[in-house]
Amino acid sequence: MMATVSGSGRLQHLDLNLNYNCPIPSFVFCKNLVVLKLTDVLVQDNFFVDFPLLKMLPLNAVMLPKYLDLSHVLCGCPNLEDLELNDMDCEIKEKINRFPKLVRASINNGILPLEIFKDVHVLKFHWSYQPNLELDFDFHNLVELEMVLQLTKDWLRVFEVFKHSPKLQTLVIDKV
């Protein structure tokens, strides 16, 4: 576990890499956080999300309580600029609006619709989790895109995304 504290004594950076057998109480998370990195974390049931200053949120293998879906977590982070979601065990029950300040997103599962990331500058996503993607929107700000493909037939989809990204400068394709 690592925590970085600013000169004023307020916790701004919290990086937790724990075993799932160690649930985290909600008092660990404070409103002053700017960076919150969680890996292999089981969040306790009394978790409340209110991170008005949070800019960076990498979530890797995080398990949320059943009543708390990912939309609640993300709505509590209005200034989010960098989002990473990997191996999340959670649900989406409510609609998620776009993030006005989000610049970078990396998602490896299909729990979030790709459309909410249409304003980002840098996007990485795993195509197999977006199997029926119909692009009826453009990525107006996208300059860097990394896609992970599994099948050779996904190449046609790559060109579809490419057509909807007028500012794209860098395209990285990984095949697994």
C-alpha atoms as a PDB file:
ATOM      1  CA  MET A   1       0.000   0.000   0.000  1.00  0.00           C
ATOM      2  CA  MET A   2       1.281   3.467  -0.887  1.00  0.00           C
ATOM      3  CA  ALA A   3      -0.087   6.880   0.003  1.00  0.00           C
ATOM      4  CA  THR A   4       1.331  10.256  -0.916  1.00  0.00           C
ATOM      5  CA  VAL A   5       0.459  13.184   1.347  1.00  0.00           C
ATOM      6  CA  SER A   6       0.751  16.824   0.299  1.00  0.00           C
ATOM      7  CA  GLY A   7       2.568  19.460   2.334  1.00  0.00           C
ATOM      8  CA  SER A   8      -0.702  20.601   3.888  1.00  0.00           C
ATOM      9  CA  GLY A   9      -1.261  17.168   5.404  1.00  0.00           C
ATOM     10  CA  ARG A  10      -4.220  16.264   3.205  1.00  0.00           C
ATOM     11  CA  LEU A  11      -4.119  12.943   1.383  1.00  0.00           C
ATOM     12  CA  GLN A  12      -4.123  13.520  -2.395  1.00  0.00           C
ATOM     13  CA  HIS A  13      -2.753  10.284  -3.834  1.00  0.00           C
ATOM     14  CA  LEU A  14      -3.849   6.841  -2.685  1.00  0.00           C
ATOM     15  CA  ASP A  15      -2.572   3.663  -4.337  1.00  0.00           C
ATOM     16  CA  LEU A  16      -3.955   0.422  -2.886  1.00  0.00           C
ATOM     17  CA  ASN A  17      -2.944  -3.000  -4.144  1.00  0.00           C
ATOM     18  CA  LEU A  18      -4.544  -5.512  -1.796  1.00  0.00           C
ATOM     19  CA  ASN A  19      -5.814  -9.032  -1.521  1.00  0.00           C
ATOM     20  CA  TYR A  20      -9.584  -9.391  -1.918  1.00  0.00           C
ATOM     21  CA  ASN A  21      -9.693 -10.817   1.617  1.00  0.00           C
ATOM     22  CA  CYS A  22      -9.000  -7.348   3.004  1.00  0.00           C
ATOM     23  CA  PRO A  23     -12.087  -5.158   2.438  1.00  0.00           C
ATOM     24  CA  ILE A  24     -11.541  -1.415   2.486  1.00  0.00           C
ATOM     25  CA  PRO A  25     -13.621   0.745   4.842  1.00  0.00           C
ATOM     26  CA  SER A  26     -14.989   3.944   3.295  1.00  0.00           C
ATOM     27  CA  PHE A  27     -13.173   6.260   5.747  1.00  0.00           C
ATOM     28  CA  VAL A  28      -9.934   5.479   3.876  1.00  0.00           C
ATOM     29  CA  PHE A  29     -11.169   7.560   0.941  1.00  0.00           C
ATOM     30  CA  CYS A  30     -11.160  11.312   1.489  1.00  0.00           C
ATOM     31  CA  LYS A  31     -12.588  14.141  -0.639  1.00  0.00           C
ATOM     32  CA  ASN A  32      -9.121  15.614  -1.245  1.00  0.00           C
ATOM     33  CA  LEU A  33      -7.978  12.714  -3.426  1.00  0.00           C
ATOM     34  CA  VAL A  34      -6.633  13.694  -6.835  1.00  0.00           C
ATOM     35  CA  VAL A  35      -5.372  10.202  -7.730  1.00  0.00           C
ATOM     36  CA  LEU A  36      -7.021   6.974  -6.596  1.00  0.00           C
ATOM     37  CA  LYS A  37      -5.525   3.705  -7.821  1.00  0.00           C
ATOM     38  CA  LEU A  38      -7.194   0.486  -6.730  1.00  0.00           C
ATOM     39  CA  THR A  39      -5.962  -3.013  -7.591  1.00  0.00           C
ATOM     40  CA  ASP A  40      -7.386  -6.319  -6.303  1.00  0.00           C
ATOM     41  CA  VAL A  41      -9.668  -4.457  -3.931  1.00  0.00           C
ATOM     42  CA  LEU A  42     -12.954  -5.440  -2.320  1.00  0.00           C
ATOM     43  CA  VAL A  43     -14.874  -2.289  -1.368  1.00  0.00           C
ATOM     44  CA  GLN A  44     -17.023  -2.573   1.786  1.00  0.00           C
ATOM     45  CA  ASP A  45     -20.781  -2.096   1.721  1.00  0.00           C
ATOM     46  CA  ASN A  46     -20.773   1.318   3.406  1.00  0.00           C
ATOM     47  CA  PHE A  47     -18.930   2.966   0.511  1.00  0.00           C
ATOM     48  CA  PHE A  48     -20.011   6.473  -0.550  1.00  0.00           C
ATOM     49  CA  VAL A  49     -18.511   8.163  -3.600  1.00  0.00           C
ATOM     50  CA  ASP A  50     -17.769  11.888  -3.493  1.00  0.00           C
ATOM     51  CA  PHE A  51     -14.448  12.781  -5.106  1.00  0.00           C
ATOM     52  CA  PRO A  52     -14.807  16.350  -6.394  1.00  0.00           C
ATOM     53  CA  LEU A  53     -11.042  16.773  -6.993  1.00  0.00           C
ATOM     54  CA  LEU A  54     -10.288  13.335  -8.445  1.00  0.00           C
ATOM     55  CA  LYS A  55      -8.525  13.479 -11.818  1.00  0.00           C
ATOM     56  CA  MET A  56      -7.061   9.982 -12.181  1.00  0.00           C
ATOM     57  CA  LEU A  57      -8.927   6.743 -11.472  1.00  0.00           C
ATOM     58  CA  PRO A  58      -7.307   3.428 -12.461  1.00  0.00           C
ATOM     59  CA  LEU A  59      -9.483   0.532 -11.270  1.00  0.00           C
ATOM     60  CA  ASN A  60      -7.967  -2.916 -11.727  1.00  0.00           C
ATOM     61  CA  ALA A  61      -9.861  -6.004 -10.537  1.00  0.00           C
ATOM     62  CA  VAL A  62     -12.079  -4.058  -8.139  1.00  0.00           C
ATOM     63  CA  MET A  63     -15.192  -5.628  -6.621  1.00  0.00           C
ATOM     64  CA  LEU A  64     -17.964  -3.203  -5.662  1.00  0.00           C
ATOM     65  CA  PRO A  65     -20.866  -3.931  -3.306  1.00  0.00           C
ATOM     66  CA  LYS A  66     -24.016  -5.182  -5.078  1.00  0.00           C
ATOM     67  CA  TYR A  67     -25.988  -1.974  -4.417  1.00  0.00           C
ATOM     68  CA  LEU A  68     -23.255   0.253  -5.847  1.00  0.00           C
ATOM     69  CA  ASP A  69     -22.864   0.124  -9.598  1.00  0.00           C
ATOM     70  CA  LEU A  70     -20.087   1.718 -11.586  1.00  0.00           C
ATOM     71  CA  SER A  71     -22.321   4.615 -12.652  1.00  0.00           C
ATOM     72  CA  HIS A  72     -22.496   5.757  -8.996  1.00  0.00           C
ATOM     73  CA  VAL A  73     -18.720   5.704  -8.715  1.00  0.00           C
ATOM     74  CA  LEU A  74     -18.157   7.634 -11.931  1.00  0.00           C
ATOM     75  CA  CYS A  75     -20.863  10.222 -11.226  1.00  0.00           C
ATOM     76  CA  GLY A  76     -19.059  11.037  -7.975  1.00  0.00           C
ATOM     77  CA  CYS A  77     -15.954  12.084  -9.959  1.00  0.00           C
ATOM     78  CA  PRO A  78     -16.996  15.183 -11.954  1.00  0.00           C
ATOM     79  CA  ASN A  79     -13.427  16.323 -12.744  1.00  0.00           C
ATOM     80  CA  LEU A  80     -12.097  12.989 -13.938  1.00  0.00           C
ATOM     81  CA  GLU A  81      -9.427  13.311 -16.652  1.00  0.00           C
ATOM     82  CA  ASP A  82      -7.945   9.802 -16.785  1.00  0.00           C
ATOM     83  CA  LEU A  83      -9.964   6.588 -16.385  1.00  0.00           C
ATOM     84  CA  GLU A  84      -8.737   3.005 -16.556  1.00  0.00           C
ATOM     85  CA  LEU A  85     -11.034   0.012 -16.076  1.00  0.00           C
ATOM     86  CA  ASN A  86      -9.640  -3.513 -16.049  1.00  0.00           C
ATOM     87  CA  ASP A  87     -11.336  -6.722 -14.908  1.00  0.00           C
ATOM     88  CA  MET A  88     -14.128  -4.984 -13.032  1.00  0.00           C
ATOM     89  CA  ASP A  89     -16.692  -7.065 -11.143  1.00  0.00           C
ATOM     90  CA  CYS A  90     -19.616  -4.655 -11.150  1.00  0.00           C
ATOM     91  CA  GLU A  91     -22.815  -3.671 -12.928  1.00  0.00           C
ATOM     92  CA  ILE A  92     -24.182  -0.631 -14.702  1.00  0.00           C
ATOM     93  CA  LYS A  93     -27.788   0.004 -13.736  1.00  0.00           C
ATOM     94  CA  GLU A  94     -28.119   3.693 -14.539  1.00  0.00           C
ATOM     95  CA  LYS A  95     -27.237   5.732 -17.579  1.00  0.00           C
ATOM     96  CA  ILE A  96     -23.788   7.295 -17.532  1.00  0.00           C
ATOM     97  CA  ASN A  97     -23.365  10.686 -19.098  1.00  0.00           C
ATOM     98  CA  ARG A  98     -20.235  11.738 -20.918  1.00  0.00           C
ATOM     99  CA  PHE A  99     -17.355  13.089 -18.900  1.00  0.00           C
ATOM    100  CA  PRO A 100     -16.681  16.693 -19.925  1.00  0.00           C
ATOM    101  CA  LYS A 101     -13.061  16.734 -18.687  1.00  0.00           C
ATOM    102  CA  LEU A 102     -12.037  13.164 -19.544  1.00  0.00           C
ATOM    103  CA  VAL A 103      -8.939  13.171 -21.757  1.00  0.00           C
ATOM    104  CA  ARG A 104      -7.694   9.573 -21.539  1.00  0.00           C
ATOM    105  CA  ALA A 105      -9.609   6.302 -21.165  1.00  0.00           C
ATOM    106  CA  SER A 106      -8.563   2.674 -21.161  1.00  0.00           C
ATOM    107  CA  ILE A 107     -11.269   0.027 -20.907  1.00  0.00           C
ATOM    108  CA  ASN A 108     -10.957  -3.706 -21.299  1.00  0.00           C
ATOM    109  CA  ASN A 109     -14.516  -4.764 -20.731  1.00  0.00           C
ATOM    110  CA  GLY A 110     -17.860  -3.941 -22.252  1.00  0.00           C
ATOM    111  CA  ILE A 111     -19.649  -2.704 -19.174  1.00  0.00           C
ATOM    112  CA  LEU A 112     -19.512   0.883 -20.428  1.00  0.00           C
ATOM    113  CA  PRO A 113     -20.835   2.034 -23.787  1.00  0.00           C
ATOM    114  CA  LEU A 114     -18.081   3.348 -26.018  1.00  0.00           C
ATOM    115  CA  GLU A 115     -20.145   6.435 -26.829  1.00  0.00           C
ATOM    116  CA  ILE A 116     -19.463   8.009 -23.424  1.00  0.00           C
ATOM    117  CA  PHE A 117     -15.797   8.243 -24.449  1.00  0.00           C
ATOM    118  CA  LYS A 118     -16.420  10.061 -27.715  1.00  0.00           C
ATOM    119  CA  ASP A 119     -14.800  13.300 -26.472  1.00  0.00           C
ATOM    120  CA  VAL A 120     -11.519  11.807 -25.226  1.00  0.00           C
ATOM    121  CA  HIS A 121      -8.162  12.491 -26.848  1.00  0.00           C
ATOM    122  CA  VAL A 122      -6.602   9.090 -26.092  1.00  0.00           C
ATOM    123  CA  LEU A 123      -8.576   5.840 -26.053  1.00  0.00           C
ATOM    124  CA  LYS A 124      -7.596   2.223 -25.575  1.00  0.00           C
ATOM    125  CA  PHE A 125     -10.204  -0.497 -25.698  1.00  0.00           C
ATOM    126  CA  HIS A 126     -10.551  -4.215 -26.160  1.00  0.00           C
ATOM    127  CA  TRP A 127     -12.687  -4.803 -29.238  1.00  0.00           C
ATOM    128  CA  SER A 128     -14.016  -8.209 -28.164  1.00  0.00           C
ATOM    129  CA  TYR A 129     -16.027  -6.469 -25.455  1.00  0.00           C
ATOM    130  CA  GLN A 130     -17.714  -4.231 -28.044  1.00  0.00           C
ATOM    131  CA  PRO A 131     -18.963  -6.942 -30.438  1.00  0.00           C
ATOM    132  CA  ASN A 132     -22.043  -5.200 -31.828  1.00  0.00           C
ATOM    133  CA  LEU A 133     -20.746  -1.676 -31.936  1.00  0.00           C
ATOM    134  CA  GLU A 134     -22.687   0.564 -34.288  1.00  0.00           C
ATOM    135  CA  LEU A 135     -20.923   3.896 -34.634  1.00  0.00           C
ATOM    136  CA  ASP A 136     -23.550   6.586 -35.030  1.00  0.00           C
ATOM    137  CA  PHE A 137     -21.220   9.165 -33.475  1.00  0.00           C
ATOM    138  CA  ASP A 138     -17.770  10.602 -34.166  1.00  0.00           C
ATOM    139  CA  PHE A 139     -14.697  10.777 -31.967  1.00  0.00           C
ATOM    140  CA  HIS A 140     -14.153  14.502 -32.593  1.00  0.00           C
ATOM    141  CA  ASN A 141     -11.114  14.916 -30.321  1.00  0.00           C
ATOM    142  CA  LEU A 142      -9.474  11.516 -30.654  1.00  0.00           C
ATOM    143  CA  VAL A 143      -5.810  11.788 -31.653  1.00  0.00           C
ATOM    144  CA  GLU A 144      -4.511   8.462 -30.309  1.00  0.00           C
ATOM    145  CA  LEU A 145      -6.309   5.129 -30.458  1.00  0.00           C
ATOM    146  CA  GLU A 146      -5.174   1.688 -29.360  1.00  0.00           C
ATOM    147  CA  MET A 147      -7.417  -1.268 -30.122  1.00  0.00           C
ATOM    148  CA  VAL A 148      -6.961  -4.854 -29.018  1.00  0.00           C
ATOM    149  CA  LEU A 149      -8.391  -7.333 -31.530  1.00  0.00           C
ATOM    150  CA  GLN A 150      -8.976 -11.046 -31.295  1.00  0.00           C
ATOM    151  CA  LEU A 151     -10.288 -12.025 -34.704  1.00  0.00           C
ATOM    152  CA  THR A 152      -9.160 -11.179 -38.203  1.00  0.00           C
ATOM    153  CA  LYS A 153     -12.714 -10.191 -39.145  1.00  0.00           C
ATOM    154  CA  ASP A 154     -12.413  -7.299 -36.686  1.00  0.00           C
ATOM    155  CA  TRP A 155     -10.272  -5.461 -39.246  1.00  0.00           C
ATOM    156  CA  LEU A 156     -13.378  -4.103 -40.942  1.00  0.00           C
ATOM    157  CA  ARG A 157     -14.417  -2.591 -37.632  1.00  0.00           C
ATOM    158  CA  VAL A 158     -11.038  -0.900 -37.318  1.00  0.00           C
ATOM    159  CA  PHE A 159     -11.721   0.995 -40.512  1.00  0.00           C
ATOM    160  CA  GLU A 160     -15.185   1.923 -39.257  1.00  0.00           C
ATOM    161  CA  VAL A 161     -13.669   3.527 -36.149  1.00  0.00           C
ATOM    162  CA  PHE A 162     -10.997   5.138 -38.303  1.00  0.00           C
ATOM    163  CA  LYS A 163     -13.691   6.769 -40.486  1.00  0.00           C
ATOM    164  CA  HIS A 164     -15.297   8.267 -37.386  1.00  0.00           C
ATOM    165  CA  SER A 165     -12.062   9.768 -36.021  1.00  0.00           C
ATOM    166  CA  PRO A 166     -11.224  12.855 -38.108  1.00  0.00           C
ATOM    167  CA  LYS A 167      -8.277  14.013 -35.936  1.00  0.00           C
ATOM    168  CA  LEU A 168      -6.672  10.613 -35.418  1.00  0.00           C
ATOM    169  CA  GLN A 169      -2.869  10.806 -35.616  1.00  0.00           C
ATOM    170  CA  THR A 170      -1.772   7.566 -33.946  1.00  0.00           C
ATOM    171  CA  LEU A 171      -3.368   4.164 -34.376  1.00  0.00           C
ATOM    172  CA  VAL A 172      -2.024   1.120 -32.525  1.00  0.00           C
ATOM    173  CA  ILE A 173      -3.525  -2.311 -33.118  1.00  0.00           C
ATOM    174  CA  ASP A 174      -2.743  -5.257 -30.880  1.00  0.00           C
ATOM    175  CA  LYS A 175      -3.887  -8.724 -31.830  1.00  0.00           C
ATOM    176  CA  VAL A 176      -4.257 -11.310 -29.077  1.00  0.00           C
END
